[in-house]
PDB file of N, CA and C in Angstrom:
ATOM      1  N   UNK A   1      -1.289  25.274  -5.145  1.00  0.00           N
ATOM      2  CA  UNK A   1      -0.514  24.510  -4.189  1.00  0.00           C
ATOM      3  C   UNK A   1      -1.252  23.591  -3.032  1.00  0.00           C
ATOM      4  N   UNK A   2      -2.354  24.336  -2.588  1.00  0.00           N
ATOM      5  CA  UNK A   2      -3.389  23.912  -1.701  1.00  0.00           C
ATOM      6  C   UNK A   2      -4.428  23.041  -2.282  1.00  0.00           C
ATOM      7  N   UNK A   3      -4.733  23.254  -3.761  1.00  0.00           N
ATOM      8  CA  UNK A   3      -5.521  22.002  -4.694  1.00  0.00           C
ATOM      9  C   UNK A   3      -4.721  21.154  -4.314  1.00  0.00           C
ATOM     10  N   UNK A   4      -3.433  20.641  -4.944  1.00  0.00           N
ATOM     11  CA  UNK A   4      -2.656  19.724  -4.837  1.00  0.00           C
ATOM     12  C   UNK A   4      -2.472  18.906  -3.734  1.00  0.00           C
ATOM     13  N   UNK A   5      -2.528  19.598  -2.763  1.00  0.00           N
ATOM     14  CA  UNK A   5      -2.350  19.099  -1.322  1.00  0.00           C
ATOM     15  C   UNK A   5      -3.361  18.080  -1.200  1.00  0.00           C
ATOM     16  N   UNK A   6      -4.764  18.961  -1.329  1.00  0.00           N
ATOM     17  CA  UNK A   6      -6.485  18.533  -0.888  1.00  0.00           C
ATOM     18  C   UNK A   6      -6.470  17.404  -2.010  1.00  0.00           C
ATOM     19  N   UNK A   7      -6.081  17.194  -3.412  1.00  0.00           N
ATOM     20  CA  UNK A   7      -6.117  16.421  -3.951  1.00  0.00           C
ATOM     21  C   UNK A   7      -5.350  15.021  -3.895  1.00  0.00           C
ATOM     22  N   UNK A   8      -4.063  15.263  -3.547  1.00  0.00           N
ATOM     23  CA  UNK A   8      -3.127  13.824  -2.743  1.00  0.00           C
ATOM     24  C   UNK A   8      -3.890  13.242  -1.424  1.00  0.00           C
ATOM     25  N   UNK A   9      -4.650  14.123  -0.619  1.00  0.00           N
ATOM     26  CA  UNK A   9      -4.616  13.469   0.415  1.00  0.00           C
ATOM     27  C   UNK A   9      -6.327  12.758   0.182  1.00  0.00           C
ATOM     28  N   UNK A  10      -6.889  13.109  -0.695  1.00  0.00           N
ATOM     29  CA  UNK A  10      -8.473  11.965  -0.940  1.00  0.00           C
ATOM     30  C   UNK A  10      -7.929  11.004  -1.807  1.00  0.00           C
ATOM     31  N   UNK A  11      -6.819  11.351  -2.412  1.00  0.00           N
ATOM     32  CA  UNK A  11      -5.921   9.768  -2.941  1.00  0.00           C
ATOM     33  C   UNK A  11      -5.553   8.761  -1.814  1.00  0.00           C
ATOM     34  N   UNK A  12      -4.958   9.488  -0.986  1.00  0.00           N
ATOM     35  CA  UNK A  12      -4.394   8.530   0.103  1.00  0.00           C
ATOM     36  C   UNK A  12      -5.753   7.826   0.693  1.00  0.00           C
ATOM     37  N   UNK A  13      -6.887   8.869   1.472  1.00  0.00           N
ATOM     38  CA  UNK A  13      -7.671   8.341   1.907  1.00  0.00           C
ATOM     39  C   UNK A  13      -8.673   7.450   0.796  1.00  0.00           C
ATOM     40  N   UNK A  14      -8.421   7.497  -0.276  1.00  0.00           N
ATOM     41  CA  UNK A  14      -9.607   6.235  -1.102  1.00  0.00           C
ATOM     42  C   UNK A  14      -8.213   5.114  -0.699  1.00  0.00           C
ATOM     43  N   UNK A  15      -7.530   5.243  -1.022  1.00  0.00           N
ATOM     44  CA  UNK A  15      -6.400   4.050  -1.487  1.00  0.00           C
ATOM     45  C   UNK A  15      -6.650   3.193   0.219  1.00  0.00           C
ATOM     46  N   UNK A  16      -6.535   4.021   1.269  1.00  0.00           N
ATOM     47  CA  UNK A  16      -6.935   3.413   2.614  1.00  0.00           C
ATOM     48  C   UNK A  16      -8.073   2.791   2.610  1.00  0.00           C
ATOM     49  N   UNK A  17      -9.007   3.314   1.910  1.00  0.00           N
ATOM     50  CA  UNK A  17     -10.363   2.485   2.181  1.00  0.00           C
ATOM     51  C   UNK A  17     -10.609   1.514   1.203  1.00  0.00           C
ATOM     52  N   UNK A  18      -9.891   1.034  -0.010  1.00  0.00           N
ATOM     53  CA  UNK A  18     -10.071   0.785  -0.779  1.00  0.00           C
ATOM     54  C   UNK A  18      -8.788  -1.077  -0.746  1.00  0.00           C
ATOM     55  N   UNK A  19      -7.602  -0.153  -0.307  1.00  0.00           N
ATOM     56  CA  UNK A  19      -6.630  -1.042   0.081  1.00  0.00           C
ATOM     57  C   UNK A  19      -7.011  -2.265   0.540  1.00  0.00           C
ATOM     58  N   UNK A  20      -7.518  -2.690   1.833  1.00  0.00           N
ATOM     59  CA  UNK A  20      -7.299  -4.098   2.160  1.00  0.00           C
ATOM     60  C   UNK A  20      -8.492  -4.930   1.497  1.00  0.00           C
ATOM     61  N   UNK A  21      -9.632  -4.888   0.942  1.00  0.00           N
ATOM     62  CA  UNK A  21     -10.003  -5.345   0.179  1.00  0.00           C
ATOM     63  C   UNK A  21      -9.206  -5.973  -1.057  1.00  0.00           C
ATOM     64  N   UNK A  22      -8.828  -5.064  -1.901  1.00  0.00           N
ATOM     65  CA  UNK A  22      -8.027  -5.512  -2.909  1.00  0.00           C
ATOM     66  C   UNK A  22      -6.547  -6.376  -2.524  1.00  0.00           C
ATOM     67  N   UNK A  23      -6.196  -5.917  -1.530  1.00  0.00           N
ATOM     68  CA  UNK A  23      -4.261  -6.637  -1.045  1.00  0.00           C
ATOM     69  C   UNK A  23      -4.848  -8.022  -0.790  1.00  0.00           C
ATOM     70  N   UNK A  24      -6.439  -8.131  -0.087  1.00  0.00           N
ATOM     71  CA  UNK A  24      -6.620 -10.003  -0.272  1.00  0.00           C
ATOM     72  C   UNK A  24      -6.938 -10.731  -1.522  1.00  0.00           C
ATOM     73  N   UNK A  25      -7.636  -9.687  -2.510  1.00  0.00           N
ATOM     74  CA  UNK A  25      -8.021 -10.420  -3.820  1.00  0.00           C
ATOM     75  C   UNK A  25      -6.520 -10.953  -4.451  1.00  0.00           C
ATOM     76  N   UNK A  26      -5.656 -10.112  -4.370  1.00  0.00           N
ATOM     77  CA  UNK A  26      -4.800  -9.829  -5.173  1.00  0.00           C
ATOM     78  C   UNK A  26      -3.630 -10.550  -4.742  1.00  0.00           C
ATOM     79  N   UNK A  27      -3.750 -11.244  -3.498  1.00  0.00           N
ATOM     80  CA  UNK A  27      -2.988 -11.925  -2.543  1.00  0.00           C
ATOM     81  C   UNK A  27      -1.253 -10.634  -2.308  1.00  0.00           C
ATOM     82  N   UNK A  28      -1.674  -9.387  -2.250  1.00  0.00           N
ATOM     83  CA  UNK A  28      -0.951  -8.360  -1.904  1.00  0.00           C
ATOM     84  C   UNK A  28      -0.339  -8.954   0.016  1.00  0.00           C
ATOM     85  N   UNK A  29       0.439  -8.693   0.414  1.00  0.00           N
ATOM     86  CA  UNK A  29       1.267  -8.956   1.915  1.00  0.00           C
ATOM     87  C   UNK A  29       1.655 -10.306   2.137  1.00  0.00           C
ATOM     88  N   UNK A  30       2.076 -10.913   1.095  1.00  0.00           N
ATOM     89  CA  UNK A  30       2.332 -12.362   1.058  1.00  0.00           C
ATOM     90  C   UNK A  30       3.408 -12.464   0.150  1.00  0.00           C
ATOM     91  N   UNK A  31       4.116 -11.355  -0.053  1.00  0.00           N
ATOM     92  CA  UNK A  31       5.338 -11.924  -0.767  1.00  0.00           C
ATOM     93  C   UNK A  31       6.598 -12.079  -0.156  1.00  0.00           C
ATOM     94  N   UNK A  32       7.540 -12.522  -0.206  1.00  0.00           N
ATOM     95  CA  UNK A  32       9.144 -12.754   0.426  1.00  0.00           C
ATOM     96  C   UNK A  32       9.235 -11.531   0.534  1.00  0.00           C
ATOM     97  N   UNK A  33       9.762 -11.428   1.649  1.00  0.00           N
ATOM     98  CA  UNK A  33      10.017 -10.070   2.449  1.00  0.00           C
ATOM     99  C   UNK A  33       9.212  -9.238   3.238  1.00  0.00           C
ATOM    100  N   UNK A  34       7.802  -9.872   3.177  1.00  0.00           N
ATOM    101  CA  UNK A  34       6.630  -9.297   4.179  1.00  0.00           C
ATOM    102  C   UNK A  34       7.120  -9.775   5.058  1.00  0.00           C
ATOM    103  N   UNK A  35       6.498  -9.090   6.546  1.00  0.00           N
ATOM    104  CA  UNK A  35       6.421  -9.618   7.385  1.00  0.00           C
ATOM    105  C   UNK A  35       5.775  -9.718   8.402  1.00  0.00           C
ATOM    106  N   UNK A  36       5.148 -11.383   8.883  1.00  0.00           N
ATOM    107  CA  UNK A  36       4.158 -11.035   9.732  1.00  0.00           C
ATOM    108  C   UNK A  36       3.927 -11.845  10.925  1.00  0.00           C
ATOM    109  N   UNK A  37       3.782 -11.573  12.024  1.00  0.00           N
ATOM    110  CA  UNK A  37       4.244 -12.123  13.332  1.00  0.00           C
ATOM    111  C   UNK A  37       2.894 -12.214  14.558  1.00  0.00           C
ATOM    112  N   UNK A  38       3.122 -12.939  15.226  1.00  0.00           N
ATOM    113  CA  UNK A  38       1.857 -12.286  16.043  1.00  0.00           C
ATOM    114  C   UNK A  38       2.867 -11.905  17.602  1.00  0.00           C
ATOM    115  N   UNK A  39       2.295 -11.544  18.701  1.00  0.00           N
ATOM    116  CA  UNK A  39       3.269 -11.157  20.021  1.00  0.00           C
ATOM    117  C   UNK A  39       1.873 -10.472  20.737  1.00  0.00           C
ATOM    118  N   UNK A  40       1.781 -11.796  21.719  1.00  0.00           N
ATOM    119  CA  UNK A  40       0.998 -11.340  23.012  1.00  0.00           C
ATOM    120  C   UNK A  40      -0.525 -11.404  22.528  1.00  0.00           C
ATOM    121  N   UNK A  41      -0.711 -12.173  21.267  1.00  0.00           N
ATOM    122  CA  UNK A  41      -2.040 -12.316  21.038  1.00  0.00           C
ATOM    123  C   UNK A  41      -2.646 -11.070  19.763  1.00  0.00           C
ATOM    124  N   UNK A  42      -1.705 -10.316  19.475  1.00  0.00           N
ATOM    125  CA  UNK A  42      -1.874  -9.129  18.360  1.00  0.00           C
ATOM    126  C   UNK A  42      -0.918  -9.567  17.668  1.00  0.00           C
ATOM    127  N   UNK A  43      -1.129  -9.236  16.267  1.00  0.00           N
ATOM    128  CA  UNK A  43      -0.767  -9.625  14.937  1.00  0.00           C
ATOM    129  C   UNK A  43      -0.445  -8.437  14.134  1.00  0.00           C
ATOM    130  N   UNK A  44       0.952  -8.208  14.161  1.00  0.00           N
ATOM    131  CA  UNK A  44       1.751  -7.408  13.284  1.00  0.00           C
ATOM    132  C   UNK A  44       1.902  -7.777  11.694  1.00  0.00           C
ATOM    133  N   UNK A  45       1.605  -7.002  11.090  1.00  0.00           N
ATOM    134  CA  UNK A  45       2.302  -6.860   9.532  1.00  0.00           C
ATOM    135  C   UNK A  45       3.262  -5.752   9.212  1.00  0.00           C
ATOM    136  N   UNK A  46       4.334  -6.210   8.271  1.00  0.00           N
ATOM    137  CA  UNK A  46       5.009  -5.369   7.602  1.00  0.00           C
ATOM    138  C   UNK A  46       5.280  -5.955   6.334  1.00  0.00           C
ATOM    139  N   UNK A  47       4.381  -5.130   5.531  1.00  0.00           N
ATOM    140  CA  UNK A  47       4.482  -5.266   4.035  1.00  0.00           C
ATOM    141  C   UNK A  47       6.050  -4.714   3.281  1.00  0.00           C
ATOM    142  N   UNK A  48       7.266  -4.984   3.963  1.00  0.00           N
ATOM    143  CA  UNK A  48       8.053  -4.399   3.014  1.00  0.00           C
ATOM    144  C   UNK A  48       8.386  -4.299   1.480  1.00  0.00           C
ATOM    145  N   UNK A  49       8.444  -5.732   1.066  1.00  0.00           N
ATOM    146  CA  UNK A  49       8.101  -6.066  -0.402  1.00  0.00           C
ATOM    147  C   UNK A  49       6.962  -5.602  -1.090  1.00  0.00           C
ATOM    148  N   UNK A  50       6.039  -5.807  -0.777  1.00  0.00           N
ATOM    149  CA  UNK A  50       4.634  -5.373  -1.358  1.00  0.00           C
ATOM    150  C   UNK A  50       5.003  -3.753  -1.082  1.00  0.00           C
ATOM    151  N   UNK A  51       5.310  -2.590  -0.407  1.00  0.00           N
ATOM    152  CA  UNK A  51       5.311  -1.286  -0.152  1.00  0.00           C
ATOM    153  C   UNK A  51       6.739  -1.048  -1.633  1.00  0.00           C
ATOM    154  N   UNK A  52       7.454  -1.666  -1.343  1.00  0.00           N
ATOM    155  CA  UNK A  52       8.625  -1.549  -2.558  1.00  0.00           C
ATOM    156  C   UNK A  52       8.066  -1.588  -4.062  1.00  0.00           C
ATOM    157  N   UNK A  53       6.970  -2.666  -4.197  1.00  0.00           N
ATOM    158  CA  UNK A  53       6.252  -3.159  -5.394  1.00  0.00           C
ATOM    159  C   UNK A  53       5.547  -1.826  -6.104  1.00  0.00           C
ATOM    160  N   UNK A  54       4.792  -1.967  -5.067  1.00  0.00           N
ATOM    161  CA  UNK A  54       3.225  -0.773  -5.208  1.00  0.00           C
ATOM    162  C   UNK A  54       4.262   0.626  -5.337  1.00  0.00           C
ATOM    163  N   UNK A  55       5.441   1.094  -4.634  1.00  0.00           N
ATOM    164  CA  UNK A  55       5.889   2.495  -5.367  1.00  0.00           C
ATOM    165  C   UNK A  55       6.426   2.790  -6.643  1.00  0.00           C
ATOM    166  N   UNK A  56       7.213   1.012  -6.972  1.00  0.00           N
ATOM    167  CA  UNK A  56       7.910   1.380  -8.103  1.00  0.00           C
ATOM    168  C   UNK A  56       6.724   1.155  -8.734  1.00  0.00           C
ATOM    169  N   UNK A  57       5.381   0.532  -9.235  1.00  0.00           N
ATOM    170  CA  UNK A  57       4.569   0.589 -10.228  1.00  0.00           C
ATOM    171  C   UNK A  57       3.983   2.170  -9.880  1.00  0.00           C
ATOM    172  N   UNK A  58       3.700   2.722  -8.943  1.00  0.00           N
ATOM    173  CA  UNK A  58       3.153   3.979  -9.082  1.00  0.00           C
ATOM    174  C   UNK A  58       4.414   4.935  -9.835  1.00  0.00           C
ATOM    175  N   UNK A  59       5.555   4.553  -9.408  1.00  0.00           N
ATOM    176  CA  UNK A  59       6.229   5.886 -10.068  1.00  0.00           C
ATOM    177  C   UNK A  59       6.741   5.294 -11.456  1.00  0.00           C
ATOM    178  N   UNK A  60       6.294   4.126 -12.190  1.00  0.00           N
ATOM    179  CA  UNK A  60       6.668   4.001 -13.712  1.00  0.00           C
ATOM    180  C   UNK A  60       5.034   4.404 -14.317  1.00  0.00           C
ATOM    181  N   UNK A  61       4.065   4.606 -13.202  1.00  0.00           N
ATOM    182  CA  UNK A  61       2.895   5.157 -14.027  1.00  0.00           C
ATOM    183  C   UNK A  61       2.961   6.511 -14.381  1.00  0.00           C
ATOM    184  N   UNK A  62       3.519   7.041 -13.424  1.00  0.00           N
ATOM    185  CA  UNK A  62       3.913   8.667 -13.669  1.00  0.00           C
ATOM    186  C   UNK A  62       4.801   8.863 -13.941  1.00  0.00           C
ATOM    187  N   UNK A  63       5.874   8.338 -14.422  1.00  0.00           N
ATOM    188  CA  UNK A  63       6.797   8.439 -15.209  1.00  0.00           C
ATOM    189  C   UNK A  63       6.448   8.253 -16.908  1.00  0.00           C
ATOM    190  N   UNK A  64       5.345   7.268 -17.048  1.00  0.00           N
ATOM    191  CA  UNK A  64       4.904   7.175 -18.417  1.00  0.00           C
ATOM    192  C   UNK A  64       3.799   8.258 -19.126  1.00  0.00           C
ATOM    193  N   UNK A  65       3.414   9.177 -17.617  1.00  0.00           N
ATOM    194  CA  UNK A  65       2.542   9.840 -18.032  1.00  0.00           C
ATOM    195  C   UNK A  65       3.255  11.371 -18.848  1.00  0.00           C
TER     196      UNK A  65
END
């Protein structure tokens, strides 16, 4: 059980490190339903549609395995 937790955490960390550069190249975060706005000089991004799409893709990949 501990081994799986470590593997999942490593995947999450690696995804977090790779995601910003990959998202810009694939234009993720700019889909309809993704919210981005500025408030008091700070930018806030809420990629709702991108999150749902990536979750669906991960689910489909895991179902195929």
